[in-house]
Amino acid sequence: QGQLVESGGGLVQPGGSLSLSCAASGFGFHYYALGWFRQAPGKEREGVSCISSVDGTTYYTDSVKGRFTASRDNAKKQVSLQMNSLQPEDTATYYCAASSLGYCSKADPYDPLEYEIWGQGAQVTVSS
């Protein structure tokens, strides 16, 4: 059975950096599109990025463009999210997810119904 195990996150001051990683097992990692989502208290889950398995095309939601970088390592079966210039509004629980669709839909790369496998979540808190 497919599994994603997250690591990283924590507490950082505004303007700082953090990274998250997910280690995959039990499914054909290199065939899956990989997404990052986040959910802040009292808010709906929000898609952050999506990396296609086909050509590595990566999508970012507007609020993180230029600050966050998602990457995948098919050999290690890992997906990572490097977060720079963090702001208090980035505070949330972050989730990695895998979609057997294999690509990021241009219409909606962050439809959670397309993602079958989810990590357990990692807390990111940005505060002074």
Foldseek 3Di string as FASTA:
>chain_A
DKAWAKDWADEAAAQAKIKMKIAIDDDQLLQWKKWKWWDAPPGDIGTAKIAASPPRDMDGDPVQPPFKDWDADNVRRMIMIIGGRDDQVPWTWMKMFIFNVRGQDPVHSPPVVRTDYMYPTDTHGYHD
